Amino acid sequence: MRKQIRKLASLCMAGAVLLALTACGGTDDRLTTFEREQERTVTLFSPMEKTRPGADNVARSASEKTVTMAEEKLGVTVAYITYTAEDYQDKTYDDVALERARSDMDDLYLLNPDTVQTLAAEGRLMDLSGLDSAKNLRDVVKAANVVDGKLVAIPQEVVAYGLFVNKDMFDQYQLELPETPEDFLECCRVFKENGIETPVGANRWWLETFVLAQAYADLYNGGNTEAEIAALNSGEKKYSDYMRPGFEFLQELIDQGYIDAQKAYVSEAIEGEGADFLAQKTPIVMAYWGAANTETAYGDPDFNMLVIGFPSSRGQMPVMPMTGIAVGINAEHAQDAMQVLDIMTSDEALEVYTETNKVISPSKNIEVDCIPALKPLNDRINENVFVLGSNASMKVEQWGNTCIIVRKLLGGATVDECMAAFDELQEASLKE
């Protein structure tokens, strides 16, 4: 796998609108349908941005351009079924996506990595490997979305997460950008001692990026990826041993008051911490690449912003999970849906999407320049240094499970209790 992943060396940085938006959920009465009457209609279930609704939604505009291409070429209409949350107690987007896919309610689904793997394991997603667009995919996309030999989802962008930092505040206190967990803790200490109440703005979805960066820095960058994953899948090695340092790190951030665990536990992505970051009350948040490009998130700050990797034993570490658009196995309009997806993820359409949204394309044939704020994160990926946040070859799904167990920590669980949860997941996977 590492040999395949090495081919990412020439990539620019990217972000993921799905991972930003599907962190939100909602109750069933918030489900919205946008339909136009026409003989041939394909339904697409996807999230809808609700943060700062008056701002331009660049990511959705980019996607709609590719949808329009498919509609015009095929003579079909793509009807959006969208879902958003009101607060942390509502169903998540993932919950609703699972319900709808299991009930064959839609044709196309925009899915998070954990949902892709869950539905694929249940045999509910079509094999997309025969599409023309699949021939152009980067190997990192296949590593995340090929399950049991079947390509079950294709993204329109490759996701990369990093730390968004207020460089002006770091300069004010003469702090270097952190490379290691120890560096990061020292920066937080200095900020706290200088009156910054909460140095790290967090939400209930993305703290797993810290854990994944520390857990798998060596696995993905030490030259022994396939053997280590095989040892995890066989039970020879324990996921909890990899995860423990990251959870102990998060617990120290909580204990020192560098993260407000209670606020993070109930905060939606960006909405919980975004205002304080933009108001320069907190110097550090975590987010996806696309958040640096659009005014719906952090694209127009009043300060010098940089995006760097998460602290790890190997320095600043990007974390890259993978979303994807899938076709339901029993889709009512399966043939049209497959054709729509093939056009939406063709090089022609992805060129438009990538240029509009300034992200890493899933196609190995398409490159894009990144904005200056993203250069530090981009440089690490160009050096072929990163951690995958989702990997279909791991028997225990990573992105969603780690997120859930991190929330247990935020809710008061001990590190040992969190590690026991990973052990339970691994034991269950060994019995399958």
Protein backbone atom coordinates (compact mmCIF):
# COMPACT_ATOMS: atom_id res chain seq x y z
CA MET A 1 0.00 0.00 0.00
CA ARG A 2 2.80 2.40 0.87
CA LYS A 3 4.19 2.03 -2.63
CA GLN A 4 0.82 3.11 -3.96
CA ILE A 5 0.52 5.97 -1.54
CA ARG A 6 3.96 7.22 -2.58
CA LYS A 7 2.39 8.30 -5.86
CA LEU A 8 0.76 11.20 -4.02
CA ALA A 9 4.07 13.04 -3.84
CA SER A 10 3.14 15.62 -6.45
CA LEU A 11 -0.25 16.55 -4.97
CA CYS A 12 -1.48 19.91 -3.75
CA MET A 13 -3.49 20.19 -0.52
CA ALA A 14 -7.23 19.53 -0.36
CA GLY A 15 -10.22 19.71 1.90
CA ALA A 16 -13.57 18.02 2.30
CA VAL A 17 -16.90 19.73 2.34
CA LEU A 18 -18.64 16.48 3.24
CA LEU A 19 -16.58 15.89 6.36
CA ALA A 20 -17.29 19.45 7.37
CA LEU A 21 -20.99 19.32 6.70
CA THR A 22 -21.94 15.76 7.59
CA ALA A 23 -20.71 16.32 11.09
CA CYS A 24 -24.13 17.94 11.35
CA GLY A 25 -27.34 15.98 11.64
CA GLY A 26 -30.97 16.85 12.13
CA THR A 27 -34.47 15.58 12.73
CA ASP A 28 -36.54 14.12 9.93
CA ASP A 29 -38.66 17.24 9.51
CA ARG A 30 -35.53 19.12 8.46
CA LEU A 31 -35.06 16.92 5.43
CA THR A 32 -35.37 19.08 2.34
CA THR A 33 -36.00 18.03 -1.25
CA PHE A 34 -35.29 20.13 -4.32
CA GLU A 35 -36.96 18.47 -7.30
CA ARG A 36 -37.92 19.39 -10.83
CA GLU A 37 -40.53 17.47 -12.75
CA GLN A 38 -39.02 15.56 -15.63
CA GLU A 39 -39.25 12.02 -17.00
CA ARG A 40 -35.77 10.92 -15.95
CA THR A 41 -34.81 11.95 -12.43
CA VAL A 42 -31.90 10.79 -10.30
CA THR A 43 -31.93 11.57 -6.57
CA LEU A 44 -28.77 12.61 -4.72
CA PHE A 45 -28.66 12.61 -0.92
CA SER A 46 -26.13 15.12 0.36
CA PRO A 47 -25.50 17.66 3.14
CA MET A 48 -26.35 21.33 2.82
CA GLU A 49 -24.13 24.02 4.31
CA LYS A 50 -25.88 25.97 7.06
CA THR A 51 -22.99 27.86 8.64
CA ARG A 52 -23.21 31.52 7.58
CA PRO A 53 -26.00 30.84 5.05
CA GLY A 54 -25.64 34.26 3.47
CA ALA A 55 -22.10 33.53 2.30
CA ASP A 56 -21.20 31.98 -1.03
CA ASN A 57 -21.03 28.20 -0.75
CA VAL A 58 -18.10 27.55 -3.07
CA ALA A 59 -18.03 23.82 -2.50
CA ARG A 60 -21.69 23.34 -3.38
CA SER A 61 -21.31 25.64 -6.39
CA ALA A 62 -18.44 23.48 -7.62
CA SER A 63 -20.48 20.31 -7.23
CA GLU A 64 -23.50 21.84 -8.94
CA LYS A 65 -21.41 22.71 -11.98
CA THR A 66 -20.56 19.03 -12.41
CA VAL A 67 -24.20 18.04 -11.84
CA THR A 68 -25.25 20.48 -14.56
CA MET A 69 -22.75 18.87 -16.94
CA ALA A 70 -24.30 15.46 -16.28
CA GLU A 71 -27.85 16.77 -16.68
CA GLU A 72 -27.07 18.43 -20.01
CA LYS A 73 -25.21 15.44 -21.44
CA LEU A 74 -27.71 12.80 -20.33
CA GLY A 75 -30.99 14.69 -20.42
CA VAL A 76 -31.77 13.81 -16.82
CA THR A 77 -32.58 15.86 -13.73
CA VAL A 78 -30.64 15.41 -10.49
CA ALA A 79 -32.90 16.05 -7.50
CA TYR A 80 -31.12 17.04 -4.27
CA ILE A 81 -32.27 15.52 -0.99
CA THR A 82 -30.46 17.46 1.75
CA TYR A 83 -30.18 17.23 5.50
CA THR A 84 -28.80 19.56 8.18
CA ALA A 85 -28.72 19.69 11.98
CA GLU A 86 -30.07 22.09 14.53
CA ASP A 87 -28.06 20.93 17.53
CA TYR A 88 -25.92 18.10 18.85
CA GLN A 89 -28.91 16.07 20.08
CA ASP A 90 -30.33 15.57 16.59
CA LYS A 91 -29.57 12.64 14.33
CA THR A 92 -26.29 12.96 12.48
CA TYR A 93 -26.11 13.13 8.72
CA ASP A 94 -24.45 9.72 8.82
CA ASP A 95 -27.36 8.23 10.78
CA VAL A 96 -29.85 9.50 8.23
CA ALA A 97 -27.67 8.40 5.30
CA LEU A 98 -27.56 4.87 6.70
CA GLU A 99 -31.33 4.82 7.18
CA ARG A 100 -32.01 6.07 3.67
CA ALA A 101 -29.50 3.76 1.98
CA ARG A 102 -30.80 0.72 3.86
CA SER A 103 -34.30 1.61 2.74
CA ASP A 104 -33.24 2.22 -0.90
CA MET A 105 -34.67 5.74 -0.76
CA ASP A 106 -32.18 7.44 -3.11
CA ASP A 107 -29.98 6.72 -6.10
CA LEU A 108 -26.75 8.57 -5.18
CA TYR A 109 -25.34 9.20 -1.70
CA LEU A 110 -22.52 11.50 -0.63
CA LEU A 111 -20.94 9.57 2.24
CA ASN A 112 -18.35 9.88 4.98
CA PRO A 113 -15.61 7.21 5.15
CA ASP A 114 -17.13 5.22 8.01
CA THR A 115 -20.55 5.16 6.32
CA VAL A 116 -18.96 4.05 3.03
CA GLN A 117 -17.37 1.08 4.76
CA THR A 118 -20.49 0.18 6.75
CA LEU A 119 -22.77 0.15 3.72
CA ALA A 120 -20.17 -1.65 1.60
CA ALA A 121 -19.82 -4.38 4.22
CA GLU A 122 -23.60 -4.80 4.11
CA GLY A 123 -23.51 -5.16 0.32
CA ARG A 124 -25.63 -2.04 -0.25
CA LEU A 125 -23.37 -0.18 -2.69
CA MET A 126 -22.74 -0.75 -6.39
CA ASP A 127 -19.28 -1.64 -7.71
CA LEU A 128 -18.06 1.44 -9.59
CA SER A 129 -14.80 -0.01 -10.86
CA GLY A 130 -16.20 -0.32 -14.39
CA LEU A 131 -16.80 3.43 -14.77
CA ASP A 132 -14.45 5.28 -17.11
CA SER A 133 -13.68 7.80 -14.36
CA ALA A 134 -12.45 5.01 -12.07
CA LYS A 135 -9.47 4.43 -14.37
CA ASN A 136 -8.04 7.85 -13.46
CA LEU A 137 -8.27 7.61 -9.65
CA ARG A 138 -5.27 8.13 -7.42
CA ASP A 139 -4.16 5.10 -5.46
CA VAL A 140 -4.93 6.82 -2.16
CA VAL A 141 -8.62 6.96 -3.18
CA LYS A 142 -8.61 3.25 -3.90
CA ALA A 143 -6.93 2.52 -0.56
CA ALA A 144 -9.86 4.19 1.19
CA ASN A 145 -12.80 3.14 -0.99
CA VAL A 146 -12.06 -0.33 -2.37
CA VAL A 147 -13.85 -2.83 -0.10
CA ASP A 148 -13.57 -6.57 -0.80
CA GLY A 149 -12.18 -5.78 -4.24
CA LYS A 150 -15.02 -3.43 -5.16
CA LEU A 151 -14.71 0.32 -5.67
CA VAL A 152 -17.80 1.47 -3.79
CA ALA A 153 -17.45 5.28 -3.76
CA ILE A 154 -15.71 8.02 -5.74
CA PRO A 155 -15.03 11.46 -4.25
CA GLN A 156 -14.85 14.75 -6.07
CA GLU A 157 -11.94 15.84 -3.91
CA VAL A 158 -9.28 14.30 -1.71
CA VAL A 159 -9.66 15.34 1.92
CA ALA A 160 -6.84 16.80 4.00
CA TYR A 161 -7.16 18.03 7.58
CA GLY A 162 -4.77 20.33 9.40
CA LEU A 163 -4.40 22.83 12.21
CA PHE A 164 -5.52 26.35 11.36
CA VAL A 165 -3.36 28.75 13.34
CA ASN A 166 -3.33 32.49 13.90
CA LYS A 167 0.30 33.18 12.97
CA ASP A 168 0.07 36.73 14.30
CA MET A 169 -0.69 35.42 17.80
CA PHE A 170 2.20 32.96 17.60
CA ASP A 171 4.50 35.81 16.59
CA GLN A 172 3.18 38.03 19.37
CA TYR A 173 4.40 35.53 21.97
CA GLN A 174 7.52 34.54 20.01
CA LEU A 175 6.35 30.97 19.50
CA GLU A 176 7.50 28.65 16.74
CA LEU A 177 4.82 26.60 15.01
CA PRO A 178 4.63 23.24 16.84
CA GLU A 179 6.11 20.09 15.36
CA THR A 180 5.68 17.56 18.16
CA PRO A 181 3.09 16.98 20.90
CA GLU A 182 5.53 18.47 23.40
CA ASP A 183 5.91 21.60 21.26
CA PHE A 184 2.14 21.92 21.05
CA LEU A 185 1.66 21.67 24.81
CA GLU A 186 4.30 24.33 25.38
CA CYS A 187 2.57 26.70 22.96
CA CYS A 188 -0.72 26.15 24.76
CA ARG A 189 0.96 26.80 28.12
CA VAL A 190 2.31 30.14 26.93
CA PHE A 191 -1.04 31.19 25.47
CA LYS A 192 -2.85 30.22 28.68
CA GLU A 193 -0.39 32.08 30.89
CA ASN A 194 -0.90 35.19 28.76
CA GLY A 195 -4.62 35.29 29.34
CA ILE A 196 -5.94 33.25 26.42
CA GLU A 197 -8.67 31.27 28.13
CA THR A 198 -8.93 28.38 25.65
CA PRO A 199 -5.94 28.06 23.27
CA VAL A 200 -7.54 25.28 21.19
CA GLY A 201 -11.02 25.68 19.73
CA ALA A 202 -12.62 22.25 19.32
CA ASN A 203 -15.88 20.61 18.27
CA ARG A 204 -17.37 17.19 18.82
CA TRP A 205 -16.20 15.79 15.48
CA TRP A 206 -12.60 16.53 14.62
CA LEU A 207 -10.41 15.93 17.67
CA GLU A 208 -9.73 12.45 16.29
CA THR A 209 -7.33 14.13 13.87
CA PHE A 210 -4.88 14.68 16.75
CA VAL A 211 -5.18 11.02 17.72
CA LEU A 212 -4.83 9.61 14.22
CA ALA A 213 -1.77 11.77 13.47
CA GLN A 214 0.04 10.50 16.56
CA ALA A 215 -1.21 6.91 16.28
CA TYR A 216 -0.21 6.24 12.70
CA ALA A 217 2.67 8.61 11.93
CA ASP A 218 5.12 5.70 11.90
CA LEU A 219 2.73 3.17 10.36
CA TYR A 220 2.22 5.26 7.22
CA ASN A 221 5.67 6.83 7.06
CA GLY A 222 7.97 4.10 8.37
CA GLY A 223 8.10 1.92 5.27
CA ASN A 224 6.26 -1.05 6.79
CA THR A 225 2.61 -0.13 6.26
CA GLU A 226 1.26 -3.38 4.83
CA ALA A 227 2.91 -5.57 7.48
CA GLU A 228 1.67 -3.39 10.34
CA ILE A 229 -1.89 -3.39 9.04
CA ALA A 230 -1.74 -7.16 8.61
CA ALA A 231 -0.62 -7.48 12.25
CA LEU A 232 -3.54 -5.31 13.38
CA ASN A 233 -6.02 -7.32 11.31
CA SER A 234 -4.73 -10.61 12.73
CA GLY A 235 -4.75 -9.39 16.31
CA GLU A 236 -0.97 -9.68 16.65
CA LYS A 237 -0.92 -5.93 17.37
CA LYS A 238 -3.56 -3.90 19.18
CA TYR A 239 -5.20 -0.74 17.86
CA SER A 240 -5.33 0.50 21.46
CA ASP A 241 -1.52 0.48 21.69
CA TYR A 242 -1.38 2.79 18.68
CA MET A 243 -4.18 5.00 20.00
CA ARG A 244 -3.13 5.41 23.63
CA PRO A 245 -0.54 8.23 23.17
CA GLY A 246 -3.05 10.37 21.27
CA PHE A 247 -5.76 9.89 23.88
CA GLU A 248 -3.34 10.66 26.70
CA PHE A 249 -2.38 13.81 24.80
CA LEU A 250 -6.02 14.89 24.49
CA GLN A 251 -6.61 14.16 28.17
CA GLU A 252 -3.72 16.43 29.10
CA LEU A 253 -5.11 19.19 26.88
CA ILE A 254 -8.41 18.84 28.74
CA ASP A 255 -6.81 18.64 32.19
CA GLN A 256 -4.74 21.78 31.57
CA GLY A 257 -7.75 23.70 30.31
CA TYR A 258 -6.33 24.06 26.82
CA ILE A 259 -9.52 22.48 25.40
CA ASP A 260 -13.00 23.09 26.80
CA ALA A 261 -14.29 19.50 26.78
CA GLN A 262 -17.84 20.40 27.78
CA LYS A 263 -18.19 22.94 24.99
CA ALA A 264 -16.53 20.67 22.44
CA TYR A 265 -18.88 17.82 23.35
CA VAL A 266 -21.94 19.80 22.23
CA SER A 267 -20.44 21.94 19.45
CA GLU A 268 -20.99 21.33 15.75
CA ALA A 269 -18.03 21.65 13.42
CA ILE A 270 -16.87 25.26 12.88
CA GLU A 271 -20.02 26.65 14.48
CA GLY A 272 -18.70 25.88 17.96
CA GLU A 273 -15.21 27.33 17.64
CA GLY A 274 -15.26 29.40 14.46
CA ALA A 275 -16.41 32.70 15.95
CA ASP A 276 -13.70 32.74 18.63
CA PHE A 277 -10.99 31.87 16.08
CA LEU A 278 -12.06 34.63 13.71
CA ALA A 279 -12.32 37.06 16.63
CA GLN A 280 -8.75 36.12 17.64
CA LYS A 281 -9.84 34.84 21.04
CA THR A 282 -8.39 31.42 20.36
CA PRO A 283 -5.28 30.87 18.21
CA ILE A 284 -5.78 27.26 17.08
CA VAL A 285 -8.60 25.25 15.49
CA MET A 286 -8.70 22.15 13.32
CA ALA A 287 -10.48 21.92 9.96
CA TYR A 288 -10.41 20.57 6.41
CA TRP A 289 -8.57 22.15 3.49
CA GLY A 290 -11.63 23.69 1.89
CA ALA A 291 -12.33 25.76 5.01
CA ALA A 292 -9.33 27.91 4.09
CA ASN A 293 -10.76 28.66 0.66
CA THR A 294 -14.30 29.72 1.40
CA GLU A 295 -15.89 32.52 3.35
CA THR A 296 -18.39 30.05 4.80
CA ALA A 297 -15.58 29.06 7.17
CA TYR A 298 -12.10 30.62 7.51
CA GLY A 299 -11.39 31.92 4.03
CA ASP A 300 -11.30 35.63 4.87
CA PRO A 301 -9.72 36.20 8.31
CA ASP A 302 -8.44 39.55 9.59
CA PHE A 303 -5.07 38.04 10.46
CA ASN A 304 -2.26 35.97 8.99
CA MET A 305 -3.58 32.41 8.98
CA LEU A 306 -1.54 29.28 8.23
CA VAL A 307 -2.61 25.66 7.97
CA ILE A 308 -0.12 23.12 9.31
CA GLY A 309 -0.10 19.41 10.13
CA PHE A 310 -0.99 17.94 13.51
CA PRO A 311 1.81 17.37 16.02
CA SER A 312 3.43 13.93 15.82
CA SER A 313 6.71 12.14 16.42
CA ARG A 314 7.52 12.82 12.76
CA GLY A 315 6.63 16.50 12.85
CA GLN A 316 3.61 18.25 11.37
CA MET A 317 1.30 15.54 10.04
CA PRO A 318 -1.64 16.01 7.63
CA VAL A 319 -4.56 13.62 8.18
CA MET A 320 -6.43 12.45 5.08
CA PRO A 321 -9.77 10.64 5.35
CA MET A 322 -11.85 10.04 2.24
CA THR A 323 -15.46 10.80 1.37
CA GLY A 324 -17.21 9.46 -1.71
CA ILE A 325 -20.34 9.43 -3.85
CA ALA A 326 -21.91 5.99 -3.99
CA VAL A 327 -24.79 4.36 -5.89
CA GLY A 328 -27.27 2.28 -3.93
CA ILE A 329 -27.29 -1.41 -4.87
CA ASN A 330 -31.08 -1.28 -5.37
CA ALA A 331 -31.23 2.25 -6.78
CA GLU A 332 -34.46 2.83 -8.66
CA HIS A 333 -32.63 4.66 -11.42
CA ALA A 334 -29.36 2.73 -11.21
CA GLN A 335 -28.28 3.03 -14.85
CA ASP A 336 -28.88 6.78 -14.99
CA ALA A 337 -27.23 7.20 -11.57
CA MET A 338 -24.09 5.38 -12.70
CA GLN A 339 -23.89 7.54 -15.81
CA VAL A 340 -24.42 10.74 -13.80
CA LEU A 341 -21.65 9.77 -11.39
CA ASP A 342 -19.32 8.84 -14.25
CA ILE A 343 -19.72 12.33 -15.73
CA MET A 344 -19.49 14.11 -12.34
CA THR A 345 -16.17 12.36 -11.64
CA SER A 346 -14.77 12.52 -15.17
CA ASP A 347 -11.58 14.46 -15.74
CA GLU A 348 -13.56 17.10 -17.60
CA ALA A 349 -15.89 17.67 -14.65
CA LEU A 350 -13.20 17.33 -11.99
CA GLU A 351 -11.12 19.95 -13.77
CA VAL A 352 -14.02 22.36 -13.29
CA TYR A 353 -14.61 21.24 -9.70
CA THR A 354 -10.94 21.48 -8.75
CA GLU A 355 -10.47 24.90 -10.32
CA THR A 356 -13.60 26.23 -8.63
CA ASN A 357 -12.94 24.75 -5.20
CA LYS A 358 -9.10 24.75 -5.22
CA VAL A 359 -8.72 21.22 -3.84
CA ILE A 360 -6.79 18.02 -4.49
CA SER A 361 -8.51 16.13 -7.25
CA PRO A 362 -9.11 12.38 -6.95
CA SER A 363 -7.92 12.12 -10.56
CA LYS A 364 -4.21 11.54 -11.00
CA ASN A 365 -4.40 13.69 -14.15
CA ILE A 366 -5.45 16.95 -12.44
CA GLU A 367 -3.39 19.32 -10.30
CA VAL A 368 -4.22 22.66 -8.67
CA ASP A 369 -2.23 25.46 -7.05
CA CYS A 370 -2.95 26.06 -3.37
CA ILE A 371 -3.33 29.40 -1.63
CA PRO A 372 -0.40 30.65 0.52
CA ALA A 373 -2.13 29.81 3.81
CA LEU A 374 -2.16 26.13 2.85
CA LYS A 375 1.46 25.92 1.73
CA PRO A 376 2.84 24.38 4.98
CA LEU A 377 0.32 21.53 4.81
CA ASN A 378 0.77 21.23 1.06
CA ASP A 379 4.54 20.95 1.48
CA ARG A 380 4.17 17.96 3.79
CA ILE A 381 1.92 16.14 1.34
CA ASN A 382 4.32 16.94 -1.49
CA GLU A 383 6.99 15.33 0.69
CA ASN A 384 4.71 12.28 0.88
CA VAL A 385 4.21 12.71 4.63
CA PHE A 386 0.66 12.14 5.85
CA VAL A 387 -1.62 9.75 7.71
CA LEU A 388 -4.71 8.19 6.19
CA GLY A 389 -7.80 8.79 8.28
CA SER A 390 -9.68 6.01 6.51
CA ASN A 391 -8.31 2.78 5.08
CA ALA A 392 -10.51 0.00 3.75
CA SER A 393 -7.80 -2.61 4.37
CA MET A 394 -8.08 -2.11 8.14
CA LYS A 395 -10.69 -4.46 9.63
CA VAL A 396 -11.60 -1.89 12.30
CA GLU A 397 -12.91 1.29 10.64
CA GLN A 398 -10.86 4.25 11.81
CA TRP A 399 -12.45 7.65 11.18
CA GLY A 400 -15.90 7.13 12.64
CA ASN A 401 -14.89 4.80 15.46
CA THR A 402 -12.10 7.07 16.64
CA CYS A 403 -14.46 10.06 16.54
CA ILE A 404 -17.03 8.23 18.68
CA ILE A 405 -14.47 7.08 21.25
CA VAL A 406 -12.95 10.58 21.46
CA ARG A 407 -16.42 11.83 22.33
CA LYS A 408 -16.47 9.30 25.19
CA LEU A 409 -13.31 11.00 26.47
CA LEU A 410 -14.95 14.41 26.17
CA GLY A 411 -17.90 13.03 28.11
CA GLY A 412 -15.72 11.96 31.03
CA ALA A 413 -14.52 8.45 30.15
CA THR A 414 -10.96 7.59 31.19
CA VAL A 415 -8.20 6.83 28.71
CA ASP A 416 -8.24 3.19 29.88
CA GLU A 417 -11.98 2.98 29.21
CA CYS A 418 -11.43 4.40 25.73
CA MET A 419 -8.71 1.85 25.04
CA ALA A 420 -11.03 -0.91 26.20
CA ALA A 421 -13.53 0.30 23.59
CA PHE A 422 -10.90 -0.12 20.86
CA ASP A 423 -10.06 -3.60 22.18
CA GLU A 424 -13.74 -4.56 21.99
CA LEU A 425 -13.94 -3.38 18.39
CA GLN A 426 -10.82 -5.37 17.49
CA GLU A 427 -12.09 -8.50 19.22
CA ALA A 428 -15.35 -8.24 17.31
CA SER A 429 -13.49 -7.84 14.01
CA LEU A 430 -11.45 -10.98 14.70
CA LYS A 431 -14.64 -13.02 15.03
CA GLU A 432 -15.98 -11.95 11.66
